[in-house]
Amino acid sequence: MLKEVAEGVLVHESEFIRSNSVVVQGRGGVLLVDPGITSDEMAALANDLRESGRPVVAGFSTHSDWDHVLWHAMFGDVPRYGTARCAASIHDLLTHADWRARIAVGLPPEFAEEIPMDLLGLITGLPAEAARIPWDGPEVRILEHQAHAPGHAALLIEERGVLVAGDMLSDILMPFLDLEAAHPIEDYLEALLLLESVADDVAAVIPGHGSVGGAEQVRARIEQDRAYVQALRDGGVPDDPRVGSSAPLDWLPDVHRWQLQRLARRRSHDETPGQ
């Protein structure tokens, strides 16, 4: 079911980790951001859009994680965009003969058979200097950063005061860092500063997973994510309900401990003489 969160901006929430697909109304159709997750969900979304006279005219993936680069034939053969780094990342994966097997390792078992793979990752990278999505609708500003994944992008729909945050600013998931990056902590803190720079213009924030937040929650979520990342940096225990005993998902504390361990090993390696 589509829920309108601002004029001309609607959200569809999946059963899988409360994943949000975002629909932005344009002049001749809609921009579809991060559609997913299962075939039935996407087919239902496509039907809803068609029946309401909202054909899909463009798509956008905020980053290259499998659950953000899916597509369904019923959405149509339309331009699908991402940042240049996002496109390069998923295209590199697709060059491997065993790419389906590589993705299958990370699929949730309860949904694995329902996730369509045929059109996964077929996106066009926008020029590195692109500041907006090229489409016939409200201006959608691209806020690219290197935090959660290479070429991760948040989107600011300026006329509607809506921030589509990708896999950041979630109320149910703590920050997942790109631990393959050279400076994951610094990258994430810098990305939060970028999002903070537009916070005064935001009336609603849509995370990739979790609930939509109002204007009063934007800065609170930024501060909560910043506190978590700083705790990771300092090797401390964050005061964060997303990773404690009452975590929204029972596997989140394990991911938190894994991030702590990976960062500790990196520090140990960096501090070893001769390395």
C-alpha atoms as a PDB file:
ATOM      1  CA  MET A   1       0.000   0.000   0.000  1.00  0.00           C
ATOM      2  CA  LEU A   2       1.281   3.443  -0.929  1.00  0.00           C
ATOM      3  CA  LYS A   3       1.351   6.096   1.774  1.00  0.00           C
ATOM      4  CA  GLU A   4       1.706   9.774   0.888  1.00  0.00           C
ATOM      5  CA  VAL A   5       4.305  11.479   3.108  1.00  0.00           C
ATOM      6  CA  ALA A   6       4.363  14.822   1.272  1.00  0.00           C
ATOM      7  CA  GLU A   7       2.638  16.275  -1.765  1.00  0.00           C
ATOM      8  CA  GLY A   8       3.479  13.994  -4.679  1.00  0.00           C
ATOM      9  CA  VAL A   9       5.813  11.776  -2.616  1.00  0.00           C
ATOM     10  CA  LEU A  10       4.625   8.307  -1.639  1.00  0.00           C
ATOM     11  CA  VAL A  11       6.227   5.362   0.144  1.00  0.00           C
ATOM     12  CA  HIS A  12       5.691   1.615  -0.129  1.00  0.00           C
ATOM     13  CA  GLU A  13       7.018  -0.446   2.796  1.00  0.00           C
ATOM     14  CA  SER A  14       8.169  -4.029   2.236  1.00  0.00           C
ATOM     15  CA  GLU A  15       7.941  -6.862   4.732  1.00  0.00           C
ATOM     16  CA  PHE A  16      11.724  -7.323   4.373  1.00  0.00           C
ATOM     17  CA  ILE A  17      13.398  -5.173   7.071  1.00  0.00           C
ATOM     18  CA  ARG A  18      10.704  -2.546   6.467  1.00  0.00           C
ATOM     19  CA  SER A  19      12.379  -1.577   3.182  1.00  0.00           C
ATOM     20  CA  ASN A  20      11.009   1.619   1.658  1.00  0.00           C
ATOM     21  CA  SER A  21      10.380   2.210  -2.031  1.00  0.00           C
ATOM     22  CA  VAL A  22       9.802   5.864  -2.858  1.00  0.00           C
ATOM     23  CA  VAL A  23       7.514   7.232  -5.583  1.00  0.00           C
ATOM     24  CA  VAL A  24       7.885  10.849  -6.712  1.00  0.00           C
ATOM     25  CA  GLN A  25       5.174  12.281  -8.956  1.00  0.00           C
ATOM     26  CA  GLY A  26       6.399  14.094 -12.049  1.00  0.00           C
ATOM     27  CA  ARG A  27       4.588  15.708 -14.960  1.00  0.00           C
ATOM     28  CA  GLY A  28       4.136  12.609 -17.090  1.00  0.00           C
ATOM     29  CA  GLY A  29       4.799   9.839 -14.597  1.00  0.00           C
ATOM     30  CA  VAL A  30       6.797   8.914 -11.527  1.00  0.00           C
ATOM     31  CA  LEU A  31      10.376   8.486 -10.413  1.00  0.00           C
ATOM     32  CA  LEU A  32      10.770   5.194  -8.557  1.00  0.00           C
ATOM     33  CA  VAL A  33      13.580   5.051  -5.988  1.00  0.00           C
ATOM     34  CA  ASP A  34      14.879   1.733  -4.598  1.00  0.00           C
ATOM     35  CA  PRO A  35      11.974  -0.512  -5.678  1.00  0.00           C
ATOM     36  CA  GLY A  36      11.634  -3.918  -4.094  1.00  0.00           C
ATOM     37  CA  ILE A  37      11.745  -6.420  -2.632  1.00  0.00           C
ATOM     38  CA  THR A  38       9.791  -9.469  -3.827  1.00  0.00           C
ATOM     39  CA  SER A  39       8.227 -10.106  -7.243  1.00  0.00           C
ATOM     40  CA  ASP A  40       4.721  -9.997  -5.783  1.00  0.00           C
ATOM     41  CA  GLU A  41       5.375  -6.713  -3.978  1.00  0.00           C
ATOM     42  CA  MET A  42       6.786  -5.070  -7.070  1.00  0.00           C
ATOM     43  CA  ALA A  43       3.981  -6.363  -9.273  1.00  0.00           C
ATOM     44  CA  ALA A  44       1.428  -5.008  -6.784  1.00  0.00           C
ATOM     45  CA  LEU A  45       3.226  -1.657  -6.720  1.00  0.00           C
ATOM     46  CA  ALA A  46       3.295  -1.541 -10.529  1.00  0.00           C
ATOM     47  CA  ASN A  47      -0.440  -2.295 -10.641  1.00  0.00           C
ATOM     48  CA  ASP A  48      -1.207   0.388  -8.073  1.00  0.00           C
ATOM     49  CA  LEU A  49       0.765   2.946 -10.050  1.00  0.00           C
ATOM     50  CA  ARG A  50      -0.842   1.985 -13.354  1.00  0.00           C
ATOM     51  CA  GLU A  51      -4.362   2.017 -11.953  1.00  0.00           C
ATOM     52  CA  SER A  52      -3.800   5.470 -10.455  1.00  0.00           C
ATOM     53  CA  GLY A  53      -2.453   6.828 -13.755  1.00  0.00           C
ATOM     54  CA  ARG A  54       1.130   7.039 -12.566  1.00  0.00           C
ATOM     55  CA  PRO A  55       3.391   5.266 -15.088  1.00  0.00           C
ATOM     56  CA  VAL A  56       7.030   4.826 -14.100  1.00  0.00           C
ATOM     57  CA  VAL A  57       9.244   7.086 -16.241  1.00  0.00           C
ATOM     58  CA  ALA A  58      12.575   6.740 -14.389  1.00  0.00           C
ATOM     59  CA  GLY A  59      14.259   4.860 -11.577  1.00  0.00           C
ATOM     60  CA  PHE A  60      17.091   5.560  -9.156  1.00  0.00           C
ATOM     61  CA  SER A  61      19.158   3.340  -6.864  1.00  0.00           C
ATOM     62  CA  THR A  62      20.647   5.030  -3.819  1.00  0.00           C
ATOM     63  CA  HIS A  63      23.461   2.458  -3.713  1.00  0.00           C
ATOM     64  CA  SER A  64      24.572  -0.915  -5.016  1.00  0.00           C
ATOM     65  CA  ASP A  65      23.400  -3.299  -2.264  1.00  0.00           C
ATOM     66  CA  TRP A  66      21.223  -5.992  -3.855  1.00  0.00           C
ATOM     67  CA  ASP A  67      18.020  -4.805  -2.182  1.00  0.00           C
ATOM     68  CA  HIS A  68      18.366  -1.352  -3.758  1.00  0.00           C
ATOM     69  CA  VAL A  69      19.115  -2.327  -7.379  1.00  0.00           C
ATOM     70  CA  LEU A  70      16.133  -4.578  -8.089  1.00  0.00           C
ATOM     71  CA  TRP A  71      13.554  -4.029 -10.825  1.00  0.00           C
ATOM     72  CA  HIS A  72      10.431  -5.647 -12.272  1.00  0.00           C
ATOM     73  CA  ALA A  73       9.445  -5.832 -15.945  1.00  0.00           C
ATOM     74  CA  MET A  74       6.049  -4.342 -15.073  1.00  0.00           C
ATOM     75  CA  PHE A  75       7.751  -1.045 -14.194  1.00  0.00           C
ATOM     76  CA  GLY A  76       8.769  -0.778 -17.839  1.00  0.00           C
ATOM     77  CA  ASP A  77      11.979  -0.299 -19.783  1.00  0.00           C
ATOM     78  CA  VAL A  78      12.816   3.187 -18.540  1.00  0.00           C
ATOM     79  CA  PRO A  79      16.078   4.918 -17.557  1.00  0.00           C
ATOM     80  CA  ARG A  80      17.414   3.641 -14.241  1.00  0.00           C
ATOM     81  CA  TYR A  81      20.078   5.790 -12.633  1.00  0.00           C
ATOM     82  CA  GLY A  82      22.631   5.749  -9.835  1.00  0.00           C
ATOM     83  CA  THR A  83      25.805   7.642  -9.113  1.00  0.00           C
ATOM     84  CA  ALA A  84      28.831   6.766 -11.233  1.00  0.00           C
ATOM     85  CA  ARG A  85      30.461   4.935  -8.311  1.00  0.00           C
ATOM     86  CA  CYS A  86      27.276   3.058  -7.500  1.00  0.00           C
ATOM     87  CA  ALA A  87      26.907   1.903 -11.107  1.00  0.00           C
ATOM     88  CA  ALA A  88      30.577   0.923 -11.322  1.00  0.00           C
ATOM     89  CA  SER A  89      30.264  -1.130  -8.134  1.00  0.00           C
ATOM     90  CA  ILE A  90      27.255  -3.180  -9.241  1.00  0.00           C
ATOM     91  CA  HIS A  91      28.512  -3.500 -12.827  1.00  0.00           C
ATOM     92  CA  ASP A  92      31.780  -4.919 -11.513  1.00  0.00           C
ATOM     93  CA  LEU A  93      29.841  -7.561  -9.591  1.00  0.00           C
ATOM     94  CA  LEU A  94      27.791  -8.453 -12.662  1.00  0.00           C
ATOM     95  CA  THR A  95      30.945  -9.149 -14.692  1.00  0.00           C
ATOM     96  CA  HIS A  96      31.569 -12.276 -12.605  1.00  0.00           C
ATOM     97  CA  ALA A  97      30.058 -15.468 -13.963  1.00  0.00           C
ATOM     98  CA  ASP A  98      28.964 -16.449 -10.443  1.00  0.00           C
ATOM     99  CA  TRP A  99      27.368 -13.132  -9.514  1.00  0.00           C
ATOM    100  CA  ARG A 100      24.039 -14.774  -8.721  1.00  0.00           C
ATOM    101  CA  ALA A 101      25.728 -17.138  -6.268  1.00  0.00           C
ATOM    102  CA  ARG A 102      27.617 -14.246  -4.672  1.00  0.00           C
ATOM    103  CA  ILE A 103      24.379 -12.341  -4.090  1.00  0.00           C
ATOM    104  CA  ALA A 104      22.511 -15.446  -2.951  1.00  0.00           C
ATOM    105  CA  VAL A 105      24.798 -15.711   0.093  1.00  0.00           C
ATOM    106  CA  GLY A 106      23.320 -12.502   1.478  1.00  0.00           C
ATOM    107  CA  LEU A 107      19.675 -13.089   0.616  1.00  0.00           C
ATOM    108  CA  PRO A 108      17.216 -13.681   3.468  1.00  0.00           C
ATOM    109  CA  PRO A 109      16.218 -17.364   3.270  1.00  0.00           C
ATOM    110  CA  GLU A 110      12.549 -16.617   3.832  1.00  0.00           C
ATOM    111  CA  PHE A 111      12.441 -14.342   0.762  1.00  0.00           C
ATOM    112  CA  ALA A 112      15.200 -15.762  -1.447  1.00  0.00           C
ATOM    113  CA  GLU A 113      12.909 -17.578  -3.881  1.00  0.00           C
ATOM    114  CA  GLU A 114      10.700 -14.513  -4.281  1.00  0.00           C
ATOM    115  CA  ILE A 115      13.403 -11.993  -5.252  1.00  0.00           C
ATOM    116  CA  PRO A 116      13.675 -11.385  -9.021  1.00  0.00           C
ATOM    117  CA  MET A 117      17.270 -11.244 -10.248  1.00  0.00           C
ATOM    118  CA  ASP A 118      16.955 -10.869 -14.028  1.00  0.00           C
ATOM    119  CA  LEU A 119      16.931  -7.045 -14.060  1.00  0.00           C
ATOM    120  CA  LEU A 120      19.113  -6.534 -10.995  1.00  0.00           C
ATOM    121  CA  GLY A 121      21.728  -3.803 -11.271  1.00  0.00           C
ATOM    122  CA  LEU A 122      20.987  -2.629 -14.811  1.00  0.00           C
ATOM    123  CA  ILE A 123      21.488   1.031 -13.971  1.00  0.00           C
ATOM    124  CA  THR A 124      23.201   3.921 -15.728  1.00  0.00           C
ATOM    125  CA  GLY A 125      25.807   5.868 -13.822  1.00  0.00           C
ATOM    126  CA  LEU A 126      25.236   9.602 -13.920  1.00  0.00           C
ATOM    127  CA  PRO A 127      28.244  11.842 -14.611  1.00  0.00           C
ATOM    128  CA  ALA A 128      30.313  12.462 -11.506  1.00  0.00           C
ATOM    129  CA  GLU A 129      29.399  16.158 -11.585  1.00  0.00           C
ATOM    130  CA  ALA A 130      25.643  15.477 -11.830  1.00  0.00           C
ATOM    131  CA  ALA A 131      23.853  17.369  -9.065  1.00  0.00           C
ATOM    132  CA  ARG A 132      20.278  16.350  -9.967  1.00  0.00           C
ATOM    133  CA  ILE A 133      18.387  13.429 -11.466  1.00  0.00           C
ATOM    134  CA  PRO A 134      17.518  14.085 -15.130  1.00  0.00           C
ATOM    135  CA  TRP A 135      13.772  13.684 -15.346  1.00  0.00           C
ATOM    136  CA  ASP A 136      10.580  15.646 -15.968  1.00  0.00           C
ATOM    137  CA  GLY A 137       9.485  16.282 -12.416  1.00  0.00           C
ATOM    138  CA  PRO A 138      10.393  18.134  -9.216  1.00  0.00           C
ATOM    139  CA  GLU A 139      14.105  18.789  -8.881  1.00  0.00           C
ATOM    140  CA  VAL A 140      15.748  15.926  -7.014  1.00  0.00           C
ATOM    141  CA  ARG A 141      19.159  16.885  -5.686  1.00  0.00           C
ATOM    142  CA  ILE A 142      21.802  14.163  -5.376  1.00  0.00           C
ATOM    143  CA  LEU A 143      23.809  14.227  -2.129  1.00  0.00           C
ATOM    144  CA  GLU A 144      26.579  11.733  -2.844  1.00  0.00           C
ATOM    145  CA  HIS A 145      28.926  10.582  -0.099  1.00  0.00           C
ATOM    146  CA  GLN A 146      31.134   7.639   0.857  1.00  0.00           C
ATOM    147  CA  ALA A 147      29.621   6.230   4.031  1.00  0.00           C
ATOM    148  CA  HIS A 148      27.504   3.097   3.791  1.00  0.00           C
ATOM    149  CA  ALA A 149      28.627   2.006   0.309  1.00  0.00           C
ATOM    150  CA  PRO A 150      30.654   3.330  -2.657  1.00  0.00           C
ATOM    151  CA  GLY A 151      28.745   6.144  -4.335  1.00  0.00           C
ATOM    152  CA  HIS A 152      25.933   6.071  -1.771  1.00  0.00           C
ATOM    153  CA  ALA A 153      23.468   8.891  -2.410  1.00  0.00           C
ATOM    154  CA  ALA A 154      20.755  10.580  -0.445  1.00  0.00           C
ATOM    155  CA  LEU A 155      18.175  12.527  -2.434  1.00  0.00           C
ATOM    156  CA  LEU A 156      16.674  15.882  -1.498  1.00  0.00           C
ATOM    157  CA  ILE A 157      13.332  16.632  -3.147  1.00  0.00           C
ATOM    158  CA  GLU A 158      13.643  20.333  -2.517  1.00  0.00           C
ATOM    159  CA  GLU A 159      10.141  21.452  -3.524  1.00  0.00           C
ATOM    160  CA  ARG A 160       8.595  18.895  -1.170  1.00  0.00           C
ATOM    161  CA  GLY A 161      11.064  19.114   1.730  1.00  0.00           C
ATOM    162  CA  VAL A 162      11.730  15.379   1.594  1.00  0.00           C
ATOM    163  CA  LEU A 163      15.082  13.677   2.213  1.00  0.00           C
ATOM    164  CA  VAL A 164      15.388  10.146   0.852  1.00  0.00           C
ATOM    165  CA  ALA A 165      18.287   8.911   2.971  1.00  0.00           C
ATOM    166  CA  GLY A 166      19.143   5.525   1.466  1.00  0.00           C
ATOM    167  CA  ASP A 167      20.629   3.256   4.132  1.00  0.00           C
ATOM    168  CA  MET A 168      21.160   6.070   6.618  1.00  0.00           C
ATOM    169  CA  LEU A 169      19.082   7.800   9.314  1.00  0.00           C
ATOM    170  CA  SER A 170      17.039   4.695  10.132  1.00  0.00           C
ATOM    171  CA  ASP A 171      15.135   4.367  13.367  1.00  0.00           C
ATOM    172  CA  ILE A 172      15.538   0.567  13.350  1.00  0.00           C
ATOM    173  CA  LEU A 173      19.044   0.021  11.926  1.00  0.00           C
ATOM    174  CA  MET A 174      22.227   1.513  13.334  1.00  0.00           C
ATOM    175  CA  PRO A 175      24.844   2.778  10.840  1.00  0.00           C
ATOM    176  CA  PHE A 176      26.377   0.013   8.711  1.00  0.00           C
ATOM    177  CA  LEU A 177      29.820   1.248   7.715  1.00  0.00           C
ATOM    178  CA  ASP A 178      31.647   0.482   4.489  1.00  0.00           C
ATOM    179  CA  LEU A 179      34.474  -1.398   6.161  1.00  0.00           C
ATOM    180  CA  GLU A 180      36.257  -1.940   2.837  1.00  0.00           C
ATOM    181  CA  ALA A 181      36.846   1.812   2.536  1.00  0.00           C
ATOM    182  CA  ALA A 182      40.142   3.389   3.568  1.00  0.00           C
ATOM    183  CA  HIS A 183      38.532   5.640   6.185  1.00  0.00           C
ATOM    184  CA  PRO A 184      35.099   4.241   7.147  1.00  0.00           C
ATOM    185  CA  ILE A 185      34.656   6.241  10.357  1.00  0.00           C
ATOM    186  CA  GLU A 186      35.713   9.541   8.832  1.00  0.00           C
ATOM    187  CA  ASP A 187      33.607   8.897   5.728  1.00  0.00           C
ATOM    188  CA  TYR A 188      30.490   8.273   7.779  1.00  0.00           C
ATOM    189  CA  LEU A 189      30.936  11.329   9.993  1.00  0.00           C
ATOM    190  CA  GLU A 190      31.525  13.485   6.915  1.00  0.00           C
ATOM    191  CA  ALA A 191      28.354  12.104   5.304  1.00  0.00           C
ATOM    192  CA  LEU A 192      26.352  12.999   8.408  1.00  0.00           C
ATOM    193  CA  LEU A 193      27.681  16.543   8.171  1.00  0.00           C
ATOM    194  CA  LEU A 194      26.472  16.683   4.571  1.00  0.00           C
ATOM    195  CA  LEU A 195      22.983  15.558   5.573  1.00  0.00           C
ATOM    196  CA  GLU A 196      23.016  17.971   8.492  1.00  0.00           C
ATOM    197  CA  SER A 197      23.746  20.827   6.077  1.00  0.00           C
ATOM    198  CA  VAL A 198      20.292  20.393   4.484  1.00  0.00           C
ATOM    199  CA  ALA A 199      18.367  19.496   7.666  1.00  0.00           C
ATOM    200  CA  ASP A 200      16.684  22.901   7.892  1.00  0.00           C
ATOM    201  CA  ASP A 201      15.075  22.261   4.497  1.00  0.00           C
ATOM    202  CA  VAL A 202      13.679  18.838   5.421  1.00  0.00           C
ATOM    203  CA  ALA A 203      10.111  18.224   6.583  1.00  0.00           C
ATOM    204  CA  ALA A 204      10.242  14.440   6.191  1.00  0.00           C
ATOM    205  CA  VAL A 205      13.075  11.907   6.072  1.00  0.00           C
ATOM    206  CA  ILE A 206      12.618   8.513   4.412  1.00  0.00           C
ATOM    207  CA  PRO A 207      15.233   5.915   5.391  1.00  0.00           C
ATOM    208  CA  GLY A 208      15.911   2.836   3.304  1.00  0.00           C
ATOM    209  CA  HIS A 209      14.550   0.754   6.189  1.00  0.00           C
ATOM    210  CA  GLY A 210      12.244   1.828   8.980  1.00  0.00           C
ATOM    211  CA  SER A 211       9.714   4.547   9.605  1.00  0.00           C
ATOM    212  CA  VAL A 212       9.404   7.933   7.954  1.00  0.00           C
ATOM    213  CA  GLY A 213      10.483  10.717  10.282  1.00  0.00           C
ATOM    214  CA  GLY A 214       9.096  14.225  10.539  1.00  0.00           C
ATOM    215  CA  ALA A 215      11.029  17.484  10.638  1.00  0.00           C
ATOM    216  CA  GLU A 216      11.599  17.171  14.383  1.00  0.00           C
ATOM    217  CA  GLN A 217      13.313  13.801  13.907  1.00  0.00           C
ATOM    218  CA  VAL A 218      15.838  14.677  11.206  1.00  0.00           C
ATOM    219  CA  ARG A 219      18.496  16.169  13.468  1.00  0.00           C
ATOM    220  CA  ALA A 220      17.740  13.656  16.217  1.00  0.00           C
ATOM    221  CA  ARG A 221      18.482  10.780  13.846  1.00  0.00           C
ATOM    222  CA  ILE A 222      21.653  12.474  12.634  1.00  0.00           C
ATOM    223  CA  GLU A 223      22.811  12.898  16.231  1.00  0.00           C
ATOM    224  CA  GLN A 224      21.944   9.312  17.120  1.00  0.00           C
ATOM    225  CA  ASP A 225      23.913   7.982  14.146  1.00  0.00           C
ATOM    226  CA  ARG A 226      26.827  10.294  14.929  1.00  0.00           C
ATOM    227  CA  ALA A 227      26.925   9.103  18.545  1.00  0.00           C
ATOM    228  CA  TYR A 228      26.950   5.487  17.379  1.00  0.00           C
ATOM    229  CA  VAL A 229      29.799   6.029  14.903  1.00  0.00           C
ATOM    230  CA  GLN A 230      31.825   7.954  17.472  1.00  0.00           C
ATOM    231  CA  ALA A 231      31.344   5.086  19.932  1.00  0.00           C
ATOM    232  CA  LEU A 232      32.639   2.679  17.271  1.00  0.00           C
ATOM    233  CA  ARG A 233      35.609   4.939  16.719  1.00  0.00           C
ATOM    234  CA  ASP A 234      36.415   5.032  20.425  1.00  0.00           C
ATOM    235  CA  GLY A 235      35.796   1.320  20.977  1.00  0.00           C
ATOM    236  CA  GLY A 236      33.098   2.072  23.520  1.00  0.00           C
ATOM    237  CA  VAL A 237      29.592   0.792  24.131  1.00  0.00           C
ATOM    238  CA  PRO A 238      26.984   2.998  22.461  1.00  0.00           C
ATOM    239  CA  ASP A 239      23.835   3.971  24.312  1.00  0.00           C
ATOM    240  CA  ASP A 240      21.727   2.966  21.332  1.00  0.00           C
ATOM    241  CA  PRO A 241      18.511   0.924  21.531  1.00  0.00           C
ATOM    242  CA  ARG A 242      19.115  -0.403  18.022  1.00  0.00           C
ATOM    243  CA  VAL A 243      21.967  -2.614  19.253  1.00  0.00           C
ATOM    244  CA  GLY A 244      20.974  -3.365  22.841  1.00  0.00           C
ATOM    245  CA  SER A 245      18.975  -6.184  24.380  1.00  0.00           C
ATOM    246  CA  SER A 246      15.765  -4.705  22.966  1.00  0.00           C
ATOM    247  CA  ALA A 247      17.101  -4.270  19.420  1.00  0.00           C
ATOM    248  CA  PRO A 248      14.324  -4.208  16.768  1.00  0.00           C
ATOM    249  CA  LEU A 249      15.952  -7.171  14.997  1.00  0.00           C
ATOM    250  CA  ASP A 250      17.691  -9.940  16.920  1.00  0.00           C
ATOM    251  CA  TRP A 251      20.728 -10.026  14.595  1.00  0.00           C
ATOM    252  CA  LEU A 252      21.648  -6.350  14.978  1.00  0.00           C
ATOM    253  CA  PRO A 253      23.776  -6.829  18.136  1.00  0.00           C
ATOM    254  CA  ASP A 254      25.820  -9.410  16.198  1.00  0.00           C
ATOM    255  CA  VAL A 255      26.404  -6.939  13.370  1.00  0.00           C
ATOM    256  CA  HIS A 256      27.424  -4.313  15.908  1.00  0.00           C
ATOM    257  CA  ARG A 257      29.974  -6.662  17.488  1.00  0.00           C
ATOM    258  CA  TRP A 258      31.270  -7.589  14.032  1.00  0.00           C
ATOM    259  CA  GLN A 259      31.807  -3.928  13.155  1.00  0.00           C
ATOM    260  CA  LEU A 260      33.642  -3.370  16.435  1.00  0.00           C
ATOM    261  CA  GLN A 261      35.889  -6.378  15.774  1.00  0.00           C
ATOM    262  CA  ARG A 262      36.670  -5.351  12.200  1.00  0.00           C
ATOM    263  CA  LEU A 263      37.581  -1.829  13.266  1.00  0.00           C
ATOM    264  CA  ALA A 264      39.725  -3.127  16.139  1.00  0.00           C
ATOM    265  CA  ARG A 265      41.645  -5.368  13.735  1.00  0.00           C
ATOM    266  CA  ARG A 266      42.190  -2.435  11.393  1.00  0.00           C
ATOM    267  CA  ARG A 267      43.560  -0.319  14.232  1.00  0.00           C
ATOM    268  CA  SER A 268      45.814  -3.146  15.363  1.00  0.00           C
ATOM    269  CA  HIS A 269      47.133  -3.590  11.828  1.00  0.00           C
ATOM    270  CA  ASP A 270      47.708   0.147  11.381  1.00  0.00           C
ATOM    271  CA  GLU A 271      49.607   0.339  14.661  1.00  0.00           C
ATOM    272  CA  THR A 272      51.856  -2.639  13.956  1.00  0.00           C
ATOM    273  CA  PRO A 273      55.442  -1.475  13.222  1.00  0.00           C
ATOM    274  CA  GLY A 274      56.517  -2.075   9.659  1.00  0.00           C
ATOM    275  CA  GLN A 275      52.976  -2.255   8.302  1.00  0.00           C
END
